[in-house]
Amino acid sequence: ISSYCTYFSQLTTGDNCYIPVDKTIQLYAIIKNNQFITSS
């Protein structure tokens, strides 16, 4: 999870996830295993 993305402390992620620069993840988001968020 990039230190340059925006997310709340409640963010829950599974294993093997990739969240690059400049992404905004909303409050109470749950990102399960094997997720790759593109740069769009």
All heavy atoms as atom14 arrays in JSON, in Angstrom:
{
  "sequence": "ISSYCTYFSQLTTGDNCYIPVDKTIQLYAIIKNNQFITSS",
  "atom14_mask": [
    [1, 1, 1, 1, 1, 1, 1, 1, 0, 0, 0, 0, 0, 0],
    [1, 1, 1, 1, 1, 1, 0, 0, 0, 0, 0, 0, 0, 0],
    [1, 1, 1, 1, 1, 1, 0, 0, 0, 0, 0, 0, 0, 0],
    [1, 1, 1, 1, 1, 1, 1, 1, 1, 1, 1, 1, 0, 0],
    [1, 1, 1, 1, 1, 1, 0, 0, 0, 0, 0, 0, 0, 0],
    [1, 1, 1, 1, 1, 1, 1, 0, 0, 0, 0, 0, 0, 0],
    [1, 1, 1, 1, 1, 1, 1, 1, 1, 1, 1, 1, 0, 0],
    [1, 1, 1, 1, 1, 1, 1, 1, 1, 1, 1, 0, 0, 0],
    [1, 1, 1, 1, 1, 1, 0, 0, 0, 0, 0, 0, 0, 0],
    [1, 1, 1, 1, 1, 1, 1, 1, 1, 0, 0, 0, 0, 0],
    [1, 1, 1, 1, 1, 1, 1, 1, 0, 0, 0, 0, 0, 0],
    [1, 1, 1, 1, 1, 1, 1, 0, 0, 0, 0, 0, 0, 0],
    [1, 1, 1, 1, 1, 1, 1, 0, 0, 0, 0, 0, 0, 0],
    [1, 1, 1, 1, 0, 0, 0, 0, 0, 0, 0, 0, 0, 0],
    [1, 1, 1, 1, 1, 1, 1, 1, 0, 0, 0, 0, 0, 0],
    [1, 1, 1, 1, 1, 1, 1, 1, 0, 0, 0, 0, 0, 0],
    [1, 1, 1, 1, 1, 1, 0, 0, 0, 0, 0, 0, 0, 0],
    [1, 1, 1, 1, 1, 1, 1, 1, 1, 1, 1, 1, 0, 0],
    [1, 1, 1, 1, 1, 1, 1, 1, 0, 0, 0, 0, 0, 0],
    [1, 1, 1, 1, 1, 1, 1, 0, 0, 0, 0, 0, 0, 0],
    [1, 1, 1, 1, 1, 1, 1, 0, 0, 0, 0, 0, 0, 0],
    [1, 1, 1, 1, 1, 1, 1, 1, 0, 0, 0, 0, 0, 0],
    [1, 1, 1, 1, 1, 1, 1, 1, 1, 0, 0, 0, 0, 0],
    [1, 1, 1, 1, 1, 1, 1, 0, 0, 0, 0, 0, 0, 0],
    [1, 1, 1, 1, 1, 1, 1, 1, 0, 0, 0, 0, 0, 0],
    [1, 1, 1, 1, 1, 1, 1, 1, 1, 0, 0, 0, 0, 0],
    [1, 1, 1, 1, 1, 1, 1, 1, 0, 0, 0, 0, 0, 0],
    [1, 1, 1, 1, 1, 1, 1, 1, 1, 1, 1, 1, 0, 0],
    [1, 1, 1, 1, 1, 0, 0, 0, 0, 0, 0, 0, 0, 0],
    [1, 1, 1, 1, 1, 1, 1, 1, 0, 0, 0, 0, 0, 0],
    [1, 1, 1, 1, 1, 1, 1, 1, 0, 0, 0, 0, 0, 0],
    [1, 1, 1, 1, 1, 1, 1, 1, 1, 0, 0, 0, 0, 0],
    [1, 1, 1, 1, 1, 1, 1, 1, 0, 0, 0, 0, 0, 0],
    [1, 1, 1, 1, 1, 1, 1, 1, 0, 0, 0, 0, 0, 0],
    [1, 1, 1, 1, 1, 1, 1, 1, 1, 0, 0, 0, 0, 0],
    [1, 1, 1, 1, 1, 1, 1, 1, 1, 1, 1, 0, 0, 0],
    [1, 1, 1, 1, 1, 1, 1, 1, 0, 0, 0, 0, 0, 0],
    [1, 1, 1, 1, 1, 1, 1, 0, 0, 0, 0, 0, 0, 0],
    [1, 1, 1, 1, 1, 1, 0, 0, 0, 0, 0, 0, 0, 0],
    [1, 1, 1, 1, 1, 1, 0, 0, 0, 0, 0, 0, 0, 0]
  ],
  "atom14_positions": [
    [[0.88, -1.16, 0.0], [0.0, 0.0, 0.0], [0.91, 1.21, 0.0], [1.68, 1.42, 0.95], [-0.92, 0.03, 1.23], [-1.8, -1.23, 1.27], [-1.79, 1.28, 1.22], [-2.63, -1.36, 2.52], [0.0, 0.0, 0.0], [0.0, 0.0, 0.0], [0.0, 0.0, 0.0], [0.0, 0.0, 0.0], [0.0, 0.0, 0.0], [0.0, 0.0, 0.0]],
    [[0.86, 2.0, -1.05], [1.74, 3.16, -1.18], [1.51, 4.15, -0.04], [0.38, 4.38, 0.38], [1.48, 3.88, -2.52], [2.21, 5.09, -2.55], [0.0, 0.0, 0.0], [0.0, 0.0, 0.0], [0.0, 0.0, 0.0], [0.0, 0.0, 0.0], [0.0, 0.0, 0.0], [0.0, 0.0, 0.0], [0.0, 0.0, 0.0], [0.0, 0.0, 0.0]],
    [[2.59, 4.74, 0.43], [2.47, 5.76, 1.47], [1.89, 7.06, 0.89], [1.58, 7.98, 1.63], [3.84, 6.03, 2.1], [4.75, 6.47, 1.13], [0.0, 0.0, 0.0], [0.0, 0.0, 0.0], [0.0, 0.0, 0.0], [0.0, 0.0, 0.0], [0.0, 0.0, 0.0], [0.0, 0.0, 0.0], [0.0, 0.0, 0.0], [0.0, 0.0, 0.0]],
    [[1.73, 7.12, -0.44], [1.17, 8.29, -1.09], [-0.28, 8.09, -1.52], [-0.82, 8.86, -2.29], [2.01, 8.68, -2.32], [3.39, 9.13, -1.94], [4.47, 8.28, -2.09], [3.6, 10.38, -1.39], [5.75, 8.68, -1.72], [4.87, 10.8, -1.01], [5.94, 9.94, -1.19], [7.19, 10.33, -0.81], [0.0, 0.0, 0.0], [0.0, 0.0, 0.0]],
    [[-0.94, 7.03, -1.03], [-2.37, 6.89, -1.29], [-3.12, 7.35, -0.04], [-2.53, 7.48, 1.03], [-2.74, 5.46, -1.69], [-2.74, 4.28, -0.37], [0.0, 0.0, 0.0], [0.0, 0.0, 0.0], [0.0, 0.0, 0.0], [0.0, 0.0, 0.0], [0.0, 0.0, 0.0], [0.0, 0.0, 0.0], [0.0, 0.0, 0.0], [0.0, 0.0, 0.0]],
    [[-4.41, 7.61, -0.19], [-5.22, 8.1, 0.91], [-6.19, 7.01, 1.34], [-6.92, 6.48, 0.52], [-6.02, 9.34, 0.47], [-5.11, 10.32, -0.01], [-6.82, 9.91, 1.61], [0.0, 0.0, 0.0], [0.0, 0.0, 0.0], [0.0, 0.0, 0.0], [0.0, 0.0, 0.0], [0.0, 0.0, 0.0], [0.0, 0.0, 0.0], [0.0, 0.0, 0.0]],
    [[-6.17, 6.68, 2.62], [-7.11, 5.69, 3.16], [-7.29, 5.94, 4.65], [-6.5, 6.62, 5.29], [-6.63, 4.26, 2.91], [-5.29, 3.93, 3.54], [-5.22, 3.38, 4.81], [-4.11, 4.17, 2.86], [-4.0, 3.1, 5.39], [-2.89, 3.89, 3.43], [-2.83, 3.35, 4.7], [-1.63, 3.08, 5.27], [0.0, 0.0, 0.0], [0.0, 0.0, 0.0]],
    [[-8.37, 5.42, 5.2], [-8.67, 5.58, 6.61], [-8.07, 4.42, 7.4], [-7.79, 3.35, 6.84], [-10.19, 5.63, 6.83], [-10.82, 6.84, 6.22], [-11.25, 6.84, 4.9], [-10.98, 7.99, 6.97], [-11.82, 7.96, 4.33], [-11.55, 9.12, 6.41], [-11.98, 9.11, 5.1], [0.0, 0.0, 0.0], [0.0, 0.0, 0.0], [0.0, 0.0, 0.0]],
    [[-7.89, 4.59, 8.68], [-7.27, 3.56, 9.51], [-8.1, 2.28, 9.57], [-7.59, 1.23, 9.92], [-7.01, 4.09, 10.92], [-8.23, 4.46, 11.55], [0.0, 0.0, 0.0], [0.0, 0.0, 0.0], [0.0, 0.0, 0.0], [0.0, 0.0, 0.0], [0.0, 0.0, 0.0], [0.0, 0.0, 0.0], [0.0, 0.0, 0.0], [0.0, 0.0, 0.0]],
    [[-9.38, 2.35, 9.22], [-10.25, 1.18, 9.23], [-10.08, 0.3, 7.99], [-10.75, -0.71, 7.86], [-11.73, 1.59, 9.33], [-12.11, 2.27, 10.6], [-11.92, 3.78, 10.54], [-11.24, 4.31, 9.67], [-12.49, 4.48, 11.49], [0.0, 0.0, 0.0], [0.0, 0.0, 0.0], [0.0, 0.0, 0.0], [0.0, 0.0, 0.0], [0.0, 0.0, 0.0]],
    [[-9.19, 0.66, 7.07], [-8.99, -0.12, 5.85], [-8.59, -1.55, 6.19], [-7.69, -1.78, 6.98], [-7.91, 0.52, 4.97], [-7.55, -0.26, 3.7], [-8.74, -0.33, 2.77], [-6.36, 0.38, 3.02], [0.0, 0.0, 0.0], [0.0, 0.0, 0.0], [0.0, 0.0, 0.0], [0.0, 0.0, 0.0], [0.0, 0.0, 0.0], [0.0, 0.0, 0.0]],
    [[-9.29, -2.49, 5.58], [-8.98, -3.9, 5.75], [-8.54, -4.46, 4.41], [-9.25, -4.32, 3.42], [-10.23, -4.67, 6.23], [-10.67, -4.11, 7.46], [-9.94, -6.14, 6.41], [0.0, 0.0, 0.0], [0.0, 0.0, 0.0], [0.0, 0.0, 0.0], [0.0, 0.0, 0.0], [0.0, 0.0, 0.0], [0.0, 0.0, 0.0], [0.0, 0.0, 0.0]],
    [[-7.36, -5.07, 4.37], [-6.88, -5.69, 3.13], [-6.52, -7.14, 3.4], [-6.13, -7.5, 4.5], [-5.63, -4.99, 2.56], [-4.58, -5.06, 3.51], [-5.92, -3.55, 2.21], [0.0, 0.0, 0.0], [0.0, 0.0, 0.0], [0.0, 0.0, 0.0], [0.0, 0.0, 0.0], [0.0, 0.0, 0.0], [0.0, 0.0, 0.0], [0.0, 0.0, 0.0]],
    [[-6.66, -7.95, 2.37], [-6.26, -9.34, 2.45], [-4.78, -9.47, 2.07], [-4.04, -8.49, 2.08], [0.0, 0.0, 0.0], [0.0, 0.0, 0.0], [0.0, 0.0, 0.0], [0.0, 0.0, 0.0], [0.0, 0.0, 0.0], [0.0, 0.0, 0.0], [0.0, 0.0, 0.0], [0.0, 0.0, 0.0], [0.0, 0.0, 0.0], [0.0, 0.0, 0.0]],
    [[-4.39, -10.66, 1.71], [-3.01, -10.94, 1.3], [-2.83, -10.61, -0.18], [-3.76, -10.68, -0.97], [-2.69, -12.42, 1.51], [-2.7, -12.81, 2.97], [-2.53, -11.92, 3.83], [-2.89, -14.0, 3.25], [0.0, 0.0, 0.0], [0.0, 0.0, 0.0], [0.0, 0.0, 0.0], [0.0, 0.0, 0.0], [0.0, 0.0, 0.0], [0.0, 0.0, 0.0]],
    [[-1.6, -10.28, -0.54], [-1.21, -10.1, -1.94], [-2.01, -9.01, -2.65], [-2.51, -9.2, -3.74], [-1.32, -11.43, -2.68], [-0.6, -11.4, -4.0], [0.42, -10.73, -4.15], [-1.12, -12.1, -4.98], [0.0, 0.0, 0.0], [0.0, 0.0, 0.0], [0.0, 0.0, 0.0], [0.0, 0.0, 0.0], [0.0, 0.0, 0.0], [0.0, 0.0, 0.0]],
    [[-2.14, -7.84, -2.01], [-2.85, -6.71, -2.6], [-1.84, -5.64, -2.99], [-0.8, -5.49, -2.36], [-3.85, -6.12, -1.62], [-5.19, -7.25, -1.23], [0.0, 0.0, 0.0], [0.0, 0.0, 0.0], [0.0, 0.0, 0.0], [0.0, 0.0, 0.0], [0.0, 0.0, 0.0], [0.0, 0.0, 0.0], [0.0, 0.0, 0.0], [0.0, 0.0, 0.0]],
    [[-2.17, -4.86, -4.02], [-1.31, -3.78, -4.48], [-2.15, -2.52, -4.68], [-3.09, -2.52, -5.46], [-0.64, -4.17, -5.81], [0.16, -3.07, -6.43], [1.42, -2.75, -5.94], [-0.34, -2.34, -7.49], [2.16, -1.73, -6.5], [0.4, -1.31, -8.07], [1.64, -1.01, -7.57], [2.38, 0.0, -8.13], [0.0, 0.0, 0.0], [0.0, 0.0, 0.0]],
    [[-1.8, -1.48, -3.93], [-2.48, -0.2, -4.04], [-1.41, 0.85, -4.29], [-0.63, 1.18, -3.4], [-3.28, 0.13, -2.76], [-4.27, -0.99, -2.45], [-4.01, 1.46, -2.92], [-4.95, -0.86, -1.11], [0.0, 0.0, 0.0], [0.0, 0.0, 0.0], [0.0, 0.0, 0.0], [0.0, 0.0, 0.0], [0.0, 0.0, 0.0], [0.0, 0.0, 0.0]],
    [[-1.33, 1.4, -5.52], [-0.25, 2.31, -5.89], [-0.5, 3.76, -5.43], [-1.47, 4.06, -4.74], [-0.23, 2.22, -7.41], [-1.65, 1.94, -7.76], [-2.18, 1.08, -6.65], [0.0, 0.0, 0.0], [0.0, 0.0, 0.0], [0.0, 0.0, 0.0], [0.0, 0.0, 0.0], [0.0, 0.0, 0.0], [0.0, 0.0, 0.0], [0.0, 0.0, 0.0]],
    [[0.37, 4.64, -5.88], [0.34, 6.07, -5.56], [-0.97, 6.72, -6.02], [-1.55, 6.33, -7.03], [1.53, 6.76, -6.26], [1.48, 8.26, -6.1], [2.84, 6.21, -5.74], [0.0, 0.0, 0.0], [0.0, 0.0, 0.0], [0.0, 0.0, 0.0], [0.0, 0.0, 0.0], [0.0, 0.0, 0.0], [0.0, 0.0, 0.0], [0.0, 0.0, 0.0]],
    [[-1.42, 7.72, -5.26], [-2.56, 8.58, -5.62], [-3.91, 7.88, -5.69], [-4.8, 8.31, -6.4], [-2.31, 9.31, -6.95], [-1.18, 10.31, -6.84], [-0.94, 10.8, -5.72], [-0.55, 10.59, -7.86], [0.0, 0.0, 0.0], [0.0, 0.0, 0.0], [0.0, 0.0, 0.0], [0.0, 0.0, 0.0], [0.0, 0.0, 0.0], [0.0, 0.0, 0.0]],
    [[-4.1, 6.81, -4.98], [-5.41, 6.15, -4.9], [-6.11, 6.64, -3.64], [-5.48, 6.92, -2.63], [-5.31, 4.63, -4.83], [-4.67, 4.02, -6.04], [-5.5, 4.29, -7.28], [-4.62, 4.69, -8.4], [-4.86, 5.9, -9.06], [0.0, 0.0, 0.0], [0.0, 0.0, 0.0], [0.0, 0.0, 0.0], [0.0, 0.0, 0.0], [0.0, 0.0, 0.0]],
    [[-7.42, 6.73, -3.68], [-8.22, 7.07, -2.51], [-9.14, 5.91, -2.23], [-9.95, 5.53, -3.06], [-9.06, 8.35, -2.75], [-8.17, 9.43, -3.03], [-9.92, 8.67, -1.54], [0.0, 0.0, 0.0], [0.0, 0.0, 0.0], [0.0, 0.0, 0.0], [0.0, 0.0, 0.0], [0.0, 0.0, 0.0], [0.0, 0.0, 0.0], [0.0, 0.0, 0.0]],
    [[-9.0, 5.33, -1.05], [-9.82, 4.19, -0.63], [-10.79, 4.72, 0.42], [-10.38, 5.3, 1.42], [-8.95, 3.06, -0.03], [-7.79, 2.7, -0.96], [-9.81, 1.86, 0.29], [-8.18, 2.19, -2.32], [0.0, 0.0, 0.0], [0.0, 0.0, 0.0], [0.0, 0.0, 0.0], [0.0, 0.0, 0.0], [0.0, 0.0, 0.0], [0.0, 0.0, 0.0]],
    [[-12.07, 4.51, 0.19], [-13.11, 5.09, 1.03], [-13.19, 4.42, 2.41], [-12.71, 3.31, 2.61], [-14.46, 4.99, 0.32], [-14.51, 5.76, -0.98], [-14.31, 7.25, -0.77], [-14.86, 7.83, 0.15], [-13.49, 7.85, -1.62], [0.0, 0.0, 0.0], [0.0, 0.0, 0.0], [0.0, 0.0, 0.0], [0.0, 0.0, 0.0], [0.0, 0.0, 0.0]],
    [[-13.84, 5.11, 3.33], [-14.03, 4.65, 4.69], [-14.71, 3.28, 4.73], [-15.66, 3.04, 3.98], [-14.88, 5.67, 5.46], [-15.15, 5.41, 6.93], [-13.84, 5.41, 7.72], [-16.08, 6.47, 7.48], [0.0, 0.0, 0.0], [0.0, 0.0, 0.0], [0.0, 0.0, 0.0], [0.0, 0.0, 0.0], [0.0, 0.0, 0.0], [0.0, 0.0, 0.0]],
    [[-14.22, 2.39, 5.54], [-14.74, 1.03, 5.75], [-14.61, 0.14, 4.52], [-15.31, -0.86, 4.38], [-16.2, 1.04, 6.22], [-16.39, 1.84, 7.49], [-17.16, 2.98, 7.52], [-15.75, 1.45, 8.67], [-17.32, 3.72, 8.67], [-15.9, 2.19, 9.84], [-16.68, 3.31, 9.83], [-16.83, 4.05, 10.98], [0.0, 0.0, 0.0], [0.0, 0.0, 0.0]],
    [[-13.72, 0.47, 3.61], [-13.49, -0.39, 2.45], [-12.88, -1.71, 2.91], [-12.11, -1.76, 3.87], [-12.56, 0.3, 1.47], [0.0, 0.0, 0.0], [0.0, 0.0, 0.0], [0.0, 0.0, 0.0], [0.0, 0.0, 0.0], [0.0, 0.0, 0.0], [0.0, 0.0, 0.0], [0.0, 0.0, 0.0], [0.0, 0.0, 0.0], [0.0, 0.0, 0.0]],
    [[-13.24, -2.78, 2.22], [-12.66, -4.1, 2.46], [-12.09, -4.58, 1.14], [-12.83, -4.73, 0.17], [-13.71, -5.1, 2.97], [-14.3, -4.62, 4.3], [-13.11, -6.49, 3.11], [-15.48, -5.43, 4.77], [0.0, 0.0, 0.0], [0.0, 0.0, 0.0], [0.0, 0.0, 0.0], [0.0, 0.0, 0.0], [0.0, 0.0, 0.0], [0.0, 0.0, 0.0]],
    [[-10.8, -4.79, 1.11], [-10.15, -5.28, -0.1], [-9.64, -6.68, 0.21], [-8.76, -6.84, 1.05], [-9.01, -4.34, -0.53], [-9.6, -2.94, -0.8], [-8.31, -4.88, -1.76], [-8.57, -1.89, -1.09], [0.0, 0.0, 0.0], [0.0, 0.0, 0.0], [0.0, 0.0, 0.0], [0.0, 0.0, 0.0], [0.0, 0.0, 0.0], [0.0, 0.0, 0.0]],
    [[-10.22, -7.66, -0.43], [-9.89, -9.06, -0.15], [-8.58, -9.48, -0.79], [-7.85, -8.65, -1.32], [-11.04, -9.95, -0.64], [-12.36, -9.68, 0.03], [-12.49, -10.43, 1.3], [-13.86, -10.2, 1.92], [-14.28, -11.27, 2.75], [0.0, 0.0, 0.0], [0.0, 0.0, 0.0], [0.0, 0.0, 0.0], [0.0, 0.0, 0.0], [0.0, 0.0, 0.0]],
    [[-8.27, -10.77, -0.76], [-7.01, -11.31, -1.26], [-6.82, -11.1, -2.76], [-7.78, -11.1, -3.53], [-6.93, -12.81, -0.98], [-6.9, -13.11, 0.49], [-6.42, -12.33, 1.29], [-7.4, -14.27, 0.85], [0.0, 0.0, 0.0], [0.0, 0.0, 0.0], [0.0, 0.0, 0.0], [0.0, 0.0, 0.0], [0.0, 0.0, 0.0], [0.0, 0.0, 0.0]],
    [[-5.56, -10.94, -3.16], [-5.14, -10.92, -4.57], [-5.76, -9.8, -5.39], [-6.15, -10.0, -6.52], [-5.44, -12.28, -5.24], [-4.81, -13.41, -4.48], [-3.64, -13.33, -4.12], [-5.58, -14.45, -4.21], [0.0, 0.0, 0.0], [0.0, 0.0, 0.0], [0.0, 0.0, 0.0], [0.0, 0.0, 0.0], [0.0, 0.0, 0.0], [0.0, 0.0, 0.0]],
    [[-5.82, -8.59, -4.83], [-6.38, -7.45, -5.53], [-5.26, -6.54, -6.02], [-4.35, -6.2, -5.29], [-7.31, -6.65, -4.63], [-8.45, -7.46, -4.06], [-9.29, -8.09, -5.13], [-9.69, -7.44, -6.08], [-9.56, -9.36, -4.99], [0.0, 0.0, 0.0], [0.0, 0.0, 0.0], [0.0, 0.0, 0.0], [0.0, 0.0, 0.0], [0.0, 0.0, 0.0]],
    [[-5.34, -6.12, -7.27], [-4.38, -5.21, -7.88], [-5.16, -4.02, -8.39], [-6.02, -4.17, -9.27], [-3.66, -5.91, -9.03], [-2.69, -5.03, -9.76], [-1.39, -4.91, -9.3], [-3.08, -4.32, -10.86], [-0.49, -4.09, -9.95], [-2.19, -3.5, -11.54], [-0.89, -3.38, -11.07], [0.0, 0.0, 0.0], [0.0, 0.0, 0.0], [0.0, 0.0, 0.0]],
    [[-4.91, -2.86, -7.83], [-5.62, -1.65, -8.24], [-4.75, -0.92, -9.23], [-3.62, -0.55, -8.93], [-5.96, -0.79, -7.02], [-6.88, -1.58, -6.09], [-6.61, 0.52, -7.46], [-7.22, -0.89, -4.82], [0.0, 0.0, 0.0], [0.0, 0.0, 0.0], [0.0, 0.0, 0.0], [0.0, 0.0, 0.0], [0.0, 0.0, 0.0], [0.0, 0.0, 0.0]],
    [[-5.26, -0.72, -10.44], [-4.46, -0.1, -11.5], [-4.22, 1.37, -11.21], [-4.8, 1.95, -10.3], [-5.16, -0.23, -12.86], [-6.37, 0.52, -12.83], [-5.44, -1.67, -13.2], [0.0, 0.0, 0.0], [0.0, 0.0, 0.0], [0.0, 0.0, 0.0], [0.0, 0.0, 0.0], [0.0, 0.0, 0.0], [0.0, 0.0, 0.0], [0.0, 0.0, 0.0]],
    [[-3.41, 1.98, -12.02], [-3.05, 3.38, -11.8], [-4.09, 4.35, -12.35], [-3.93, 5.55, -12.25], [-1.69, 3.68, -12.41], [-1.68, 3.32, -13.75], [0.0, 0.0, 0.0], [0.0, 0.0, 0.0], [0.0, 0.0, 0.0], [0.0, 0.0, 0.0], [0.0, 0.0, 0.0], [0.0, 0.0, 0.0], [0.0, 0.0, 0.0], [0.0, 0.0, 0.0]],
    [[-5.18, 3.84, -12.92], [-6.27, 4.71, -13.33], [-7.1, 5.07, -12.09], [-7.16, 4.29, -11.14], [-7.15, 3.98, -14.34], [-8.25, 4.77, -14.67], [0.0, 0.0, 0.0], [0.0, 0.0, 0.0], [0.0, 0.0, 0.0], [0.0, 0.0, 0.0], [0.0, 0.0, 0.0], [0.0, 0.0, 0.0], [0.0, 0.0, 0.0], [0.0, 0.0, 0.0]]
  ]
}
